[in-house]
Protein backbone atom coordinates (compact mmCIF):
# COMPACT_ATOMS: atom_id res chain seq x y z
CA PRO A 1 0.00 0.00 0.00
CA SER A 2 2.93 2.39 0.03
CA ALA A 3 3.88 1.96 -3.62
CA SER A 4 3.67 5.03 -5.83
CA ASP A 5 1.73 3.25 -8.55
CA TYR A 6 0.00 -0.07 -9.12
CA GLN A 7 0.76 -1.40 -12.61
CA ALA A 8 -0.59 -4.86 -13.34
CA GLY A 9 2.89 -6.18 -14.21
CA GLN A 10 4.38 -4.99 -10.91
CA LEU A 11 1.48 -6.43 -8.92
CA ALA A 12 1.72 -9.77 -10.73
CA ALA A 13 5.41 -9.99 -9.83
CA GLU A 14 4.75 -8.94 -6.22
CA TYR A 15 1.97 -11.48 -5.68
CA ALA A 16 3.54 -14.20 -7.85
CA ALA A 17 0.47 -14.31 -10.15
CA VAL A 18 1.31 -16.71 -12.99
CA PRO A 19 0.08 -15.55 -16.43
CA ALA A 20 -2.45 -17.91 -18.05
CA PHE A 21 -1.35 -16.90 -21.56
CA ALA A 22 1.03 -14.54 -23.35
CA CYS A 23 -0.04 -11.73 -25.66
CA ALA A 24 2.54 -9.35 -27.16
CA ALA A 25 0.00 -6.57 -27.76
CA ALA A 26 -1.15 -6.60 -24.11
CA PRO A 27 1.67 -8.08 -22.03
CA ASP A 28 -0.14 -7.81 -18.68
CA ALA A 29 -3.45 -9.31 -19.85
CA GLY A 30 -2.45 -12.93 -19.14
CA ALA A 31 -1.83 -12.28 -15.45
CA LEU A 32 -5.10 -10.42 -14.72
CA SER A 33 -7.20 -13.46 -13.90
CA ALA A 34 -4.63 -14.92 -11.47
CA LEU A 35 -4.07 -11.45 -9.98
CA LEU A 36 -7.80 -11.00 -9.43
CA ASP A 37 -7.96 -14.27 -7.47
CA VAL A 38 -5.04 -13.47 -5.21
CA LEU A 39 -6.09 -9.84 -4.56
CA SER A 40 -9.67 -10.89 -3.95
CA THR A 41 -8.51 -13.42 -1.32
CA LYS A 42 -6.34 -10.74 0.32
CA LEU A 43 -9.33 -8.38 0.45
CA ASP A 44 -11.44 -11.09 2.09
CA GLU A 45 -8.77 -11.66 4.71
CA GLN A 46 -8.77 -7.96 5.53
CA GLY A 47 -12.53 -7.47 5.31
CA GLY A 48 -12.06 -4.86 2.59
CA HIS A 49 -14.65 -6.02 0.03
CA ASP A 50 -17.38 -3.79 1.39
CA LEU A 51 -15.14 -0.72 1.14
CA LEU A 52 -14.25 -1.60 -2.45
CA ALA A 53 -17.83 -2.29 -3.54
CA THR A 54 -19.66 0.55 -1.77
CA MET A 55 -17.03 3.28 -1.91
CA GLU A 56 -14.01 2.89 -4.19
CA LEU A 57 -15.56 1.35 -7.31
CA PRO A 58 -18.61 3.64 -7.40
CA LEU A 59 -16.25 6.56 -6.75
CA ALA A 60 -14.08 5.67 -9.76
CA ARG A 61 -17.12 6.33 -11.96
CA VAL A 62 -17.78 9.67 -10.24
CA LEU A 63 -14.14 10.76 -10.67
CA ALA A 64 -14.12 9.74 -14.34
CA ASP A 65 -17.19 11.93 -14.82
CA MET A 66 -15.55 14.86 -13.01
CA GLU A 67 -12.41 14.55 -15.17
CA ARG A 68 -14.50 14.49 -18.32
CA ILE A 69 -16.63 17.52 -17.37
CA GLY A 70 -13.80 19.75 -16.14
CA PHE A 71 -14.05 23.16 -14.50
CA ALA A 72 -14.72 26.33 -16.53
CA VAL A 73 -12.27 29.21 -16.11
CA ASP A 74 -12.18 32.78 -17.28
CA ALA A 75 -9.01 32.41 -19.38
CA GLU A 76 -8.92 36.07 -20.44
CA GLY A 77 -9.20 37.12 -16.78
CA ILE A 78 -6.31 34.79 -15.86
CA ARG A 79 -4.18 36.22 -18.69
CA GLN A 80 -4.78 39.79 -17.54
CA PHE A 81 -4.09 38.76 -13.94
CA GLY A 82 -0.80 37.25 -15.19
CA ASP A 83 0.10 40.49 -16.98
CA SER A 84 -0.54 42.56 -13.88
CA LEU A 85 1.52 40.09 -11.78
CA ARG A 86 4.42 40.41 -14.23
CA ALA A 87 4.28 44.19 -14.01
CA GLU A 88 4.17 44.00 -10.19
CA LEU A 89 7.11 41.55 -10.18
CA ASN A 90 9.12 43.88 -12.34
CA GLY A 91 8.45 46.79 -10.00
CA ILE A 92 9.40 44.74 -6.93
CA LEU A 93 12.60 43.61 -8.63
CA GLN A 94 13.63 47.22 -9.37
CA ASN A 95 12.95 48.13 -5.70
CA ILE A 96 15.16 45.27 -4.52
CA TYR A 97 17.99 46.32 -6.87
CA ALA A 98 17.69 49.90 -5.64
CA GLU A 99 17.75 48.79 -1.97
CA VAL A 100 20.78 46.52 -2.50
CA GLY A 101 22.57 48.93 -4.83
CA TYR A 102 23.21 46.62 -7.80
CA GLU A 103 21.50 44.04 -10.01
CA PHE A 104 21.88 40.33 -9.31
CA ASN A 105 20.04 37.04 -9.91
CA LEU A 106 17.38 36.91 -7.21
CA ASN A 107 16.73 33.23 -7.89
CA SER A 108 20.30 32.28 -6.97
CA PRO A 109 20.57 31.57 -3.21
CA LYS A 110 24.31 32.26 -3.42
CA GLN A 111 23.90 35.73 -5.00
CA LEU A 112 20.95 36.57 -2.74
CA GLY A 113 22.99 35.53 0.32
CA GLU A 114 25.84 37.79 -0.76
CA ALA A 115 23.45 40.71 -1.34
CA LEU A 116 21.77 40.36 2.07
CA PHE A 117 24.61 39.32 4.34
CA ASP A 118 27.72 40.78 2.70
CA LYS A 119 26.41 43.92 0.98
CA LEU A 120 23.55 44.90 3.34
CA GLY A 121 25.26 43.37 6.40
CA LEU A 122 22.17 41.59 7.77
CA PRO A 123 22.86 38.99 10.52
CA PRO A 124 23.13 35.52 8.93
CA ARG A 125 20.86 32.95 10.62
CA LYS A 126 22.21 29.60 9.44
CA LYS A 127 24.71 28.32 6.91
CA THR A 128 24.09 25.51 4.48
CA ALA A 129 26.70 23.52 2.58
CA ARG A 130 26.17 25.99 -0.25
CA GLY A 131 26.56 29.27 1.65
CA TYR A 132 24.10 31.37 3.62
CA SER A 133 20.57 30.06 4.03
CA THR A 134 17.97 32.31 2.39
CA ASP A 135 14.91 30.15 3.05
CA ALA A 136 11.53 31.60 4.02
CA GLU A 137 12.05 31.15 7.75
CA THR A 138 15.40 32.97 7.64
CA LEU A 139 13.91 35.84 5.63
CA GLU A 140 10.87 36.09 7.94
CA SER A 141 13.22 36.58 10.89
CA LEU A 142 15.05 39.39 9.03
CA ARG A 143 12.01 41.48 8.05
CA ALA A 144 12.78 44.17 10.65
CA TYR A 145 16.31 44.75 9.34
CA SER A 146 15.67 45.90 5.79
CA PRO A 147 12.74 46.76 3.50
CA ALA A 148 14.46 44.60 0.86
CA VAL A 149 13.48 41.46 2.82
CA ASP A 150 9.77 42.26 2.58
CA ASP A 151 10.16 42.79 -1.13
CA ILE A 152 12.03 39.51 -1.62
CA LEU A 153 9.30 37.54 0.20
CA LYS A 154 6.68 39.32 -1.87
CA TYR A 155 8.62 38.57 -5.06
CA ARG A 156 8.70 34.87 -4.21
CA THR A 157 4.98 34.72 -3.47
CA TYR A 158 4.11 36.53 -6.71
CA SER A 159 6.43 34.47 -8.90
CA LYS A 160 5.03 31.24 -7.43
CA LEU A 161 1.51 32.47 -8.20
CA LEU A 162 2.59 33.31 -11.71
CA SER A 163 4.44 30.09 -12.58
CA THR A 164 2.35 27.51 -10.75
CA TYR A 165 -1.10 28.98 -11.09
CA VAL A 166 -1.37 31.52 -13.88
CA GLU A 167 0.94 29.83 -16.39
CA GLY A 168 0.14 26.34 -15.08
CA LEU A 169 -3.62 26.81 -15.45
CA LEU A 170 -3.42 28.39 -18.90
CA LYS A 171 -1.21 25.51 -20.06
CA ALA A 172 -3.82 23.04 -18.80
CA LEU A 173 -6.76 24.75 -20.53
CA GLY A 174 -8.76 22.39 -22.77
CA PRO A 175 -10.22 23.38 -26.17
CA ASP A 176 -13.65 23.57 -24.43
CA GLY A 177 -12.39 26.40 -22.19
CA ARG A 178 -12.40 24.10 -19.16
CA ILE A 179 -9.62 22.63 -17.06
CA HIS A 180 -9.66 18.84 -16.85
CA SER A 181 -7.68 17.71 -13.80
CA THR A 182 -6.75 14.07 -13.10
CA PHE A 183 -8.03 12.66 -9.81
CA ILE A 184 -6.04 9.91 -8.13
CA GLN A 185 -7.59 7.40 -5.75
CA THR A 186 -4.50 5.45 -4.76
CA GLU A 187 -1.90 8.03 -3.86
CA ALA A 188 -2.51 9.55 -0.43
CA ARG A 189 -1.95 7.01 2.33
CA THR A 190 -4.85 8.34 4.38
CA GLY A 191 -7.34 7.54 1.61
CA ARG A 192 -7.78 11.14 0.45
CA ILE A 193 -8.30 11.81 -3.22
CA SER A 194 -5.55 13.84 -4.85
CA SER A 195 -5.71 16.03 -7.94
CA THR A 196 -2.91 16.54 -10.45
CA GLU A 197 -2.07 18.23 -13.76
CA PRO A 198 -3.14 20.68 -12.57
CA ASN A 199 -3.77 20.23 -8.86
CA LEU A 200 -7.10 21.97 -8.29
CA GLN A 201 -7.10 21.17 -4.57
CA ASN A 202 -4.45 23.70 -3.60
CA ILE A 203 -5.55 26.88 -5.35
CA PRO A 204 -4.58 29.47 -2.69
CA ILE A 205 -7.37 31.17 -0.73
CA ARG A 206 -5.63 32.90 2.11
CA THR A 207 -4.22 35.95 0.39
CA GLU A 208 -6.07 38.68 -1.45
CA LEU A 209 -4.26 37.69 -4.66
CA GLY A 210 -5.02 34.02 -4.11
CA SER A 211 -8.74 34.74 -3.73
CA ARG A 212 -8.66 36.79 -6.92
CA LEU A 213 -7.31 33.71 -8.64
CA ARG A 214 -10.17 31.64 -7.25
CA GLY A 215 -12.56 34.12 -8.78
CA TYR A 216 -11.43 33.05 -12.26
CA PHE A 217 -12.97 29.60 -11.70
CA VAL A 218 -16.44 30.25 -13.03
CA ALA A 219 -19.71 28.56 -13.88
CA ALA A 220 -20.79 28.16 -17.51
CA PRO A 221 -23.17 30.89 -18.79
CA GLY A 222 -26.60 30.61 -17.13
CA GLU A 223 -25.22 28.35 -14.39
CA THR A 224 -24.09 28.82 -10.79
CA LEU A 225 -21.48 27.11 -8.64
CA VAL A 226 -22.91 25.63 -5.47
CA ASP A 227 -20.35 24.78 -2.84
CA ALA A 228 -21.03 22.82 0.35
CA ASP A 229 -18.49 21.90 2.97
CA TYR A 230 -18.45 20.04 6.27
CA SER A 231 -17.71 22.30 9.20
CA GLN A 232 -14.76 21.10 11.34
CA ILE A 233 -15.20 17.53 10.14
CA GLU A 234 -11.96 16.18 11.60
CA LEU A 235 -12.63 17.61 15.05
CA ARG A 236 -16.17 16.22 14.98
CA ILE A 237 -14.74 12.81 14.15
CA LEU A 238 -12.25 13.20 17.02
CA ALA A 239 -15.15 14.00 19.37
CA HIS A 240 -17.06 10.97 18.04
CA ILE A 241 -14.20 8.45 18.15
CA THR A 242 -12.90 9.48 21.57
CA GLY A 243 -16.39 9.80 23.06
CA ASP A 244 -15.21 12.93 24.90
CA GLU A 245 -18.40 14.42 26.35
CA ALA A 246 -17.03 17.96 26.73
CA MET A 247 -16.05 18.10 23.07
CA GLN A 248 -19.27 16.46 21.87
CA GLN A 249 -21.33 18.90 23.93
CA ALA A 250 -19.60 21.87 22.32
CA PHE A 251 -20.57 20.59 18.87
CA LEU A 252 -24.12 19.57 19.80
CA SER A 253 -24.82 22.98 21.31
CA GLY A 254 -23.60 24.66 18.11
CA ALA A 255 -20.82 26.45 19.99
CA ASP A 256 -17.69 27.76 18.30
CA ILE A 257 -15.46 24.77 19.04
CA HIS A 258 -12.19 26.74 19.37
CA ARG A 259 -13.78 29.35 21.65
CA ALA A 260 -15.37 26.58 23.73
CA THR A 261 -12.00 24.79 23.98
CA ALA A 262 -10.25 27.98 25.11
CA ALA A 263 -12.92 28.65 27.74
CA LYS A 264 -12.50 25.13 29.14
CA ILE A 265 -8.70 25.21 29.18
CA TYR A 266 -8.51 28.59 30.92
CA HIS A 267 -11.62 28.10 33.10
CA ILE A 268 -13.19 31.36 31.94
CA PRO A 269 -16.61 32.16 30.42
CA GLU A 270 -16.74 31.94 26.62
CA SER A 271 -17.54 35.65 26.45
CA ASP A 272 -14.09 36.42 27.96
CA VAL A 273 -12.14 34.48 25.35
CA THR A 274 -9.92 36.87 23.38
CA HIS A 275 -8.87 36.44 19.75
CA GLU A 276 -5.38 35.34 20.90
CA LEU A 277 -6.75 32.70 23.26
CA ARG A 278 -9.05 31.36 20.56
CA THR A 279 -6.14 31.19 18.11
CA SER A 280 -4.03 29.20 20.54
CA ALA A 281 -6.92 26.82 21.25
CA LYS A 282 -7.39 26.36 17.52
CA ALA A 283 -3.70 25.54 17.03
CA ILE A 284 -3.87 22.95 19.77
CA ASN A 285 -7.14 21.41 18.54
CA PHE A 286 -5.49 20.70 15.19
CA GLY A 287 -2.03 20.05 16.63
CA ILE A 288 -3.36 17.26 18.84
CA MET A 289 -4.73 15.40 15.82
CA TYR A 290 -1.39 15.55 14.10
CA GLY A 291 0.51 14.40 17.17
CA LYS A 292 2.35 17.69 17.66
CA GLY A 293 4.50 18.04 20.75
CA ALA A 294 5.38 21.10 22.84
CA PHE A 295 8.31 22.08 20.60
CA SER A 296 6.24 22.13 17.41
CA LEU A 297 3.25 23.80 19.07
CA GLY A 298 5.45 26.46 20.66
CA LYS A 299 6.87 27.29 17.26
CA ASP A 300 3.37 27.57 15.72
CA LEU A 301 2.20 29.92 18.45
CA GLY A 302 5.46 31.82 18.92
CA ILE A 303 5.70 30.85 22.62
CA SER A 304 8.37 29.02 24.63
CA VAL A 305 8.50 25.23 24.74
CA LYS A 306 7.79 25.41 28.49
CA GLU A 307 4.61 27.48 27.97
CA ALA A 308 3.48 25.19 25.16
CA ASP A 309 4.06 22.15 27.38
CA THR A 310 1.92 23.59 30.20
CA PHE A 311 -0.71 24.42 27.62
CA LEU A 312 -0.71 20.85 26.21
CA LYS A 313 -0.98 19.29 29.67
CA THR A 314 -3.91 21.55 30.57
CA TYR A 315 -5.63 20.62 27.30
CA LEU A 316 -5.22 16.88 27.88
CA ASN A 317 -6.50 17.20 31.46
CA THR A 318 -9.51 19.10 30.15
CA PHE A 319 -10.28 16.47 27.50
CA PRO A 320 -9.04 13.27 29.20
CA LYS A 321 -10.58 10.91 26.66
CA VAL A 322 -8.61 12.52 23.83
CA ASP A 323 -5.32 11.66 25.53
CA GLY A 324 -6.54 8.11 26.25
CA TYR A 325 -7.55 7.69 22.62
CA MET A 326 -4.19 8.90 21.28
CA GLN A 327 -2.31 6.45 23.52
CA SER A 328 -4.58 3.50 22.67
CA CYS A 329 -4.27 4.27 18.95
CA ILE A 330 -0.52 3.77 19.12
CA GLU A 331 -0.78 0.62 21.27
CA HIS A 332 -3.35 -0.88 18.91
CA ALA A 333 -1.24 -0.03 15.85
CA LYS A 334 1.92 -1.55 17.37
CA GLU A 335 0.08 -4.75 18.20
CA LYS A 336 -1.71 -5.07 14.83
CA GLY A 337 0.88 -3.46 12.53
CA TYR A 338 -1.76 -1.15 11.01
CA VAL A 339 -4.44 1.43 11.82
CA GLU A 340 -7.88 1.69 10.27
CA THR A 341 -10.59 4.26 9.68
CA LEU A 342 -14.13 3.88 11.00
CA PHE A 343 -15.04 2.39 7.61
CA GLY A 344 -12.34 -0.27 7.88
CA ARG A 345 -9.73 1.21 5.52
CA ARG A 346 -6.33 -0.05 6.66
CA ARG A 347 -2.99 1.69 6.60
CA PRO A 348 0.00 -0.55 7.44
CA LEU A 349 2.57 1.16 9.68
CA PRO A 350 5.89 -0.72 9.44
CA GLU A 351 7.48 2.50 10.78
CA LEU A 352 6.33 1.54 14.30
CA ALA A 353 8.71 -1.43 14.35
CA SER A 354 11.72 0.61 13.19
CA SER A 355 14.86 0.71 15.33
CA ASN A 356 15.26 4.37 14.37
CA PHE A 357 13.67 6.78 16.84
CA GLN A 358 12.77 9.41 14.22
CA VAL A 359 11.03 6.88 11.98
CA ARG A 360 9.18 5.36 14.96
CA SER A 361 7.85 8.73 16.12
CA SER A 362 6.71 9.51 12.61
CA GLY A 363 4.80 6.18 12.69
CA GLU A 364 3.20 7.21 15.98
CA ARG A 365 2.01 10.49 14.48
CA MET A 366 0.48 8.58 11.56
CA ALA A 367 -1.18 6.14 13.97
CA ARG A 368 -2.92 9.04 15.71
CA ASN A 369 -3.82 10.99 12.63
CA THR A 370 -4.84 8.39 10.02
CA PRO A 371 -8.03 7.14 11.72
CA ILE A 372 -9.29 10.73 11.90
CA GLN A 373 -8.14 12.08 8.57
CA GLY A 374 -8.86 8.77 6.82
CA THR A 375 -12.41 8.66 8.21
CA ALA A 376 -12.99 12.23 7.01
CA ALA A 377 -11.74 11.17 3.56
CA ASP A 378 -14.08 8.15 3.56
CA ILE A 379 -17.05 10.30 4.52
CA ILE A 380 -16.54 12.84 1.74
CA LYS A 381 -16.00 10.03 -0.80
CA LEU A 382 -19.32 8.44 0.16
CA ALA A 383 -20.95 11.85 -0.01
CA MET A 384 -19.61 12.23 -3.57
CA VAL A 385 -21.02 8.87 -4.61
CA HIS A 386 -24.45 9.69 -3.14
CA VAL A 387 -24.63 13.25 -4.45
CA TRP A 388 -23.59 12.13 -7.94
CA GLN A 389 -26.22 9.35 -7.93
CA ARG A 390 -28.94 11.61 -6.61
CA LEU A 391 -28.31 14.26 -9.29
CA ARG A 392 -28.79 11.52 -11.90
CA ASP A 393 -31.82 9.98 -10.19
CA GLU A 394 -33.58 13.34 -10.14
CA LYS A 395 -32.65 13.83 -13.82
CA LEU A 396 -30.92 17.13 -13.14
CA GLN A 397 -28.49 18.90 -15.44
CA ALA A 398 -26.37 19.85 -12.42
CA ARG A 399 -22.99 18.11 -12.26
CA LEU A 400 -20.41 17.47 -9.56
CA LEU A 401 -17.17 19.25 -10.59
CA LEU A 402 -14.70 19.11 -7.76
CA GLN A 403 -13.93 17.87 -4.27
CA VAL A 404 -11.47 19.75 -2.10
CA HIS A 405 -10.97 17.53 0.97
CA ASP A 406 -14.12 18.54 2.90
CA GLU A 407 -16.10 20.46 0.32
CA LEU A 408 -17.99 19.60 -2.85
CA ILE A 409 -18.58 21.98 -5.75
CA VAL A 410 -21.50 21.47 -8.13
CA GLU A 411 -22.28 23.43 -11.30
CA ALA A 412 -26.03 23.89 -11.68
CA PRO A 413 -28.41 25.76 -14.02
CA GLU A 414 -30.03 28.70 -12.20
CA ASN A 415 -33.40 26.93 -11.98
CA GLU A 416 -31.89 23.89 -10.23
CA VAL A 417 -29.86 25.70 -7.56
CA GLU A 418 -32.39 25.32 -4.73
CA GLN A 419 -32.86 21.62 -5.47
CA VAL A 420 -29.08 21.08 -5.58
CA LYS A 421 -28.62 22.85 -2.24
CA ARG A 422 -31.24 20.55 -0.74
CA ILE A 423 -29.59 17.43 -2.22
CA LEU A 424 -26.12 18.43 -0.99
CA LYS A 425 -27.40 19.07 2.51
CA GLU A 426 -29.44 15.86 2.71
CA GLU A 427 -26.80 13.58 1.23
CA MET A 428 -23.87 15.04 3.16
CA GLU A 429 -25.68 15.07 6.49
CA HIS A 430 -27.41 11.71 6.33
CA LEU A 431 -24.73 9.39 5.06
CA HIS A 432 -25.05 7.01 7.97
CA GLU A 433 -28.62 6.25 6.97
CA HIS A 434 -27.30 4.78 3.71
CA GLU A 435 -24.30 3.07 5.23
CA ASP A 436 -25.11 0.78 8.06
CA HIS A 437 -21.73 1.10 9.75
CA ASP A 438 -22.27 0.63 13.45
CA HIS A 439 -18.99 2.48 13.98
CA CYS A 440 -19.53 5.15 11.39
CA CYS A 441 -19.56 8.78 12.26
CA ASP A 442 -22.63 10.32 13.65
CA HIS A 443 -23.21 13.12 11.18
CA ASP A 444 -26.40 14.42 12.65
CA HIS A 445 -24.58 17.55 13.58
CA ASP A 446 -22.37 18.11 10.55
CA HIS A 447 -23.53 21.39 9.16
CA GLU A 448 -22.39 22.61 5.82
CA HIS A 449 -22.53 25.98 4.20
CA GLU A 450 -23.38 26.77 0.64
CA HIS A 451 -21.44 29.47 -1.04
CA HIS A 452 -22.51 30.73 -4.42
CA HIS A 453 -19.96 31.51 -7.02
CA HIS A 454 -17.33 32.71 -4.59
CA HIS A 455 -16.15 30.94 -1.53
CA ASP A 456 -16.46 33.14 1.50
CA HIS A 457 -14.63 30.78 3.79
CA ASP A 458 -14.48 32.13 7.29
CA ASP A 459 -11.10 32.54 8.86
CA ASP A 460 -11.61 29.32 10.67
CA HIS A 461 -12.14 27.07 7.77
CA ASP A 462 -9.64 24.24 7.51
CA GLU A 463 -6.76 25.64 5.55
CA HIS A 464 -6.87 22.97 2.91
CA CYS A 465 -6.59 25.05 -0.19
CA CYS A 466 -3.43 26.89 0.23
CA CYS A 467 0.08 25.50 0.25
CA GLY A 468 -0.01 25.79 3.97
CA HIS A 469 -2.21 23.17 5.64
CA HIS A 470 -1.40 22.49 9.26
CA HIS A 471 2.27 21.77 8.72
CA HIS A 472 3.34 18.58 10.39
CA HIS A 473 6.76 17.38 9.59
CA HIS A 474 8.42 14.05 10.03
CA ASP A 475 12.06 13.72 10.92
CA HIS A 476 13.33 10.73 9.02
CA ASP A 477 16.51 8.83 8.55
CA ALA A 478 17.36 9.05 4.86
CA ASP A 479 17.91 5.36 4.17
CA GLU A 480 14.76 4.33 5.97
CA VAL A 481 12.78 7.00 4.21
CA PHE A 482 13.74 5.79 0.78
CA THR A 483 13.12 2.17 1.71
CA SER A 484 9.66 3.02 2.98
CA TRP A 485 8.94 4.81 -0.32
CA GLY A 486 10.11 1.72 -2.18
CA VAL A 487 12.67 3.65 -4.23
CA GLU A 488 16.45 3.63 -4.30
CA THR A 489 18.31 6.78 -3.46
CA ALA A 490 20.20 6.81 -6.73
CA LYS A 491 17.22 6.37 -9.00
CA LYS A 492 16.22 9.04 -11.49
CA PHE A 493 13.05 10.79 -10.33
CA SER A 494 10.11 11.86 -12.42
CA LYS A 495 7.76 14.72 -11.64
CA ALA A 496 5.31 12.27 -10.07
CA ASP A 497 8.01 10.75 -7.86
CA ILE A 498 9.02 14.11 -6.47
CA GLU A 499 5.43 15.06 -5.73
CA HIS A 500 4.85 11.64 -4.19
CA ALA A 501 7.94 11.89 -1.99
CA LEU A 502 7.01 15.31 -0.73
CA THR A 503 3.46 14.16 -0.06
CA GLU A 504 4.82 11.31 2.04
CA LEU A 505 6.84 13.76 4.11
CA ASP A 506 3.55 15.34 5.00
CA THR A 507 1.41 12.30 5.88
CA GLY A 508 -0.65 12.47 2.74
CA ASN A 509 -1.57 16.09 3.35
CA TYR A 510 -1.28 18.26 0.32
CA GLY A 511 -0.33 21.33 2.25
CA MET A 512 3.33 20.95 1.55
CA ILE A 513 3.79 19.75 -1.97
CA LEU A 514 6.57 22.12 -2.93
CA ARG A 515 7.41 22.57 -6.56
CA SER A 516 10.88 23.49 -7.69
CA LYS A 517 10.85 25.62 -10.81
CA GLY A 518 12.35 23.49 -13.55
CA ILE A 519 12.15 20.06 -12.13
CA VAL A 520 8.62 19.73 -10.93
CA ASP A 521 6.67 22.45 -12.71
CA GLY A 522 8.43 21.99 -16.02
CA GLY A 523 7.97 18.25 -15.80
CA ALA A 524 11.60 17.54 -16.77
CA ASP A 525 13.07 14.57 -14.95
CA GLY A 526 15.35 15.30 -12.02
CA TRP A 527 16.97 13.52 -9.11
CA LEU A 528 15.86 13.81 -5.53
CA GLU A 529 18.35 13.73 -2.70
CA PHE A 530 17.56 13.59 0.95
CA ASP A 531 19.70 15.37 3.48
CA TYR A 532 19.18 14.37 7.07
CA VAL A 533 20.34 16.15 10.20
CA PRO A 534 18.69 15.17 13.53
CA GLY A 535 15.53 17.22 13.83
CA GLU A 536 15.79 18.67 10.32
CA TRP A 537 15.39 17.40 6.83
CA GLU A 538 15.97 18.87 3.44
CA VAL A 539 14.73 17.52 0.13
CA ARG A 540 16.83 18.52 -2.86
CA ALA A 541 16.51 17.80 -6.51
CA ARG A 542 18.78 18.01 -9.51
CA GLY A 543 17.59 18.25 -13.10
CA ALA A 544 18.28 19.30 -16.64
CA ASP A 545 16.16 22.43 -16.37
CA VAL A 546 18.44 23.97 -13.78
CA GLY A 547 21.66 23.08 -15.57
CA GLY A 548 22.32 20.05 -13.38
CA LYS A 549 22.63 22.23 -10.23
CA LEU A 550 21.28 20.93 -6.94
CA VAL A 551 18.24 22.86 -5.78
CA VAL A 552 16.45 22.69 -2.47
CA ILE A 553 12.81 21.76 -2.74
CA GLY A 554 11.94 21.89 0.92
CA SER A 555 13.33 21.60 4.43
CA LYS A 556 11.93 21.03 7.88
CA LEU A 557 13.14 24.42 9.03
CA ASN A 558 11.56 26.09 6.08
CA GLU A 559 7.91 25.30 5.95
CA THR A 560 6.92 27.37 2.97
CA ALA A 561 10.04 27.01 0.90
CA ILE A 562 9.92 28.29 -2.59
CA ALA A 563 12.62 26.35 -4.31
CA GLN A 564 15.27 28.28 -6.14
């Protein structure tokens, strides 16, 4: 289950399926029958048939439909947006040159390091093998020293928007004026669906520019986009699985879960909870699910490790069943060798048996997180199957276009909008009436919101759309990492491999798929190297597009790296 693809030939070799006949035109055809038998038996042993029949196979049809239909975009609007970004970038570049006093190649870490630390005399933060570090974290810490730093960060954001989104989307435009993404069912280990070429699940929403970009995704003339999402689905699942009464009560009463959490931790009335206290409670609500410790939480909140530790302990005393659940998850996974979602989807965790501490703790984080995130993924997949079927049953023209982790987007003619809103609400809220899972989530209180045309996500919405999900990083030992990805360190890497590797570093979350200019975006093959220092990691790639130079794609200390 941790392979990066599942070709019939590879599977036949892995499961020793003997071909019944040979056919030059279709070399894998002979092994299919034997492969079916052996995989079917394996599924029976694991009790996975139900999942395959009720969720994955029906979903394949839904995804095929979504790929075929595509998403309409305002191409002219995107082009103009690109032109204005280029003009902005040019202006920013001139400012930087003026501030530094000479022109240099901003995309070269070496030249940028010299400009900042030698010419402007800023205090260097850390050195890499290749000179001064100029990653995002370093630059963030230098903002106060020079206006040039602000401009450099802005330049990086804008050029990423331009290359990945503006140029990337225009390149992917079909002759019908729509973008046809590819949806993958077998990539993310948690069971989430991923989207590629282009990835429509990480169009940025957090910044003003990012939201402008979202505005170029439009409905066809005479139609409207209807968007429904689950509110706080992962936390609701946590409340359900752990059976924690305090957390369940907050949801059932319709309270703001982060405000309610803060009030409980600090023993104050909800009305006294400040914005800062709510923010810290929110960080811990999500941090807990991803197995964050005091060090990581402290960094997120900008507080000391000691403060964060006190904070964590108070939280776990306030919600005792959450702590009990987290511990039992790990025990159960160690004993069984896998974890599963409430729908019975399994994820093997060989990491838990590793002799390497870093790899083991990464396995423990996955053991805590997968049942929650995987169950959320299962729920939205079932919702897709039911919504898609219902739109057909009611003979509507409306069509399901996209899923972004906890939201569904439907394109509907104006006269069907009300009916579609009703269908989305009914199907998303009453899944457990279709699926008789005694351990399935109790969705009675999963509310969703419809947004028309534009997504007015509140500040609290899960940050799933931007390259900045809740960052949770794994510290890995290089050799073990490559073994667990089933690839050799020296192998040549394709675009898909690099994306896959980076996804794995982030437990199947798409928040941190970092793209290096030539190698990943351009699609040229490159090599990936893994640099490991205790508590840090750095992924680097080498490829033809960058003249064979080694470029950093991402590092633990640099959560929003834009590769140079």
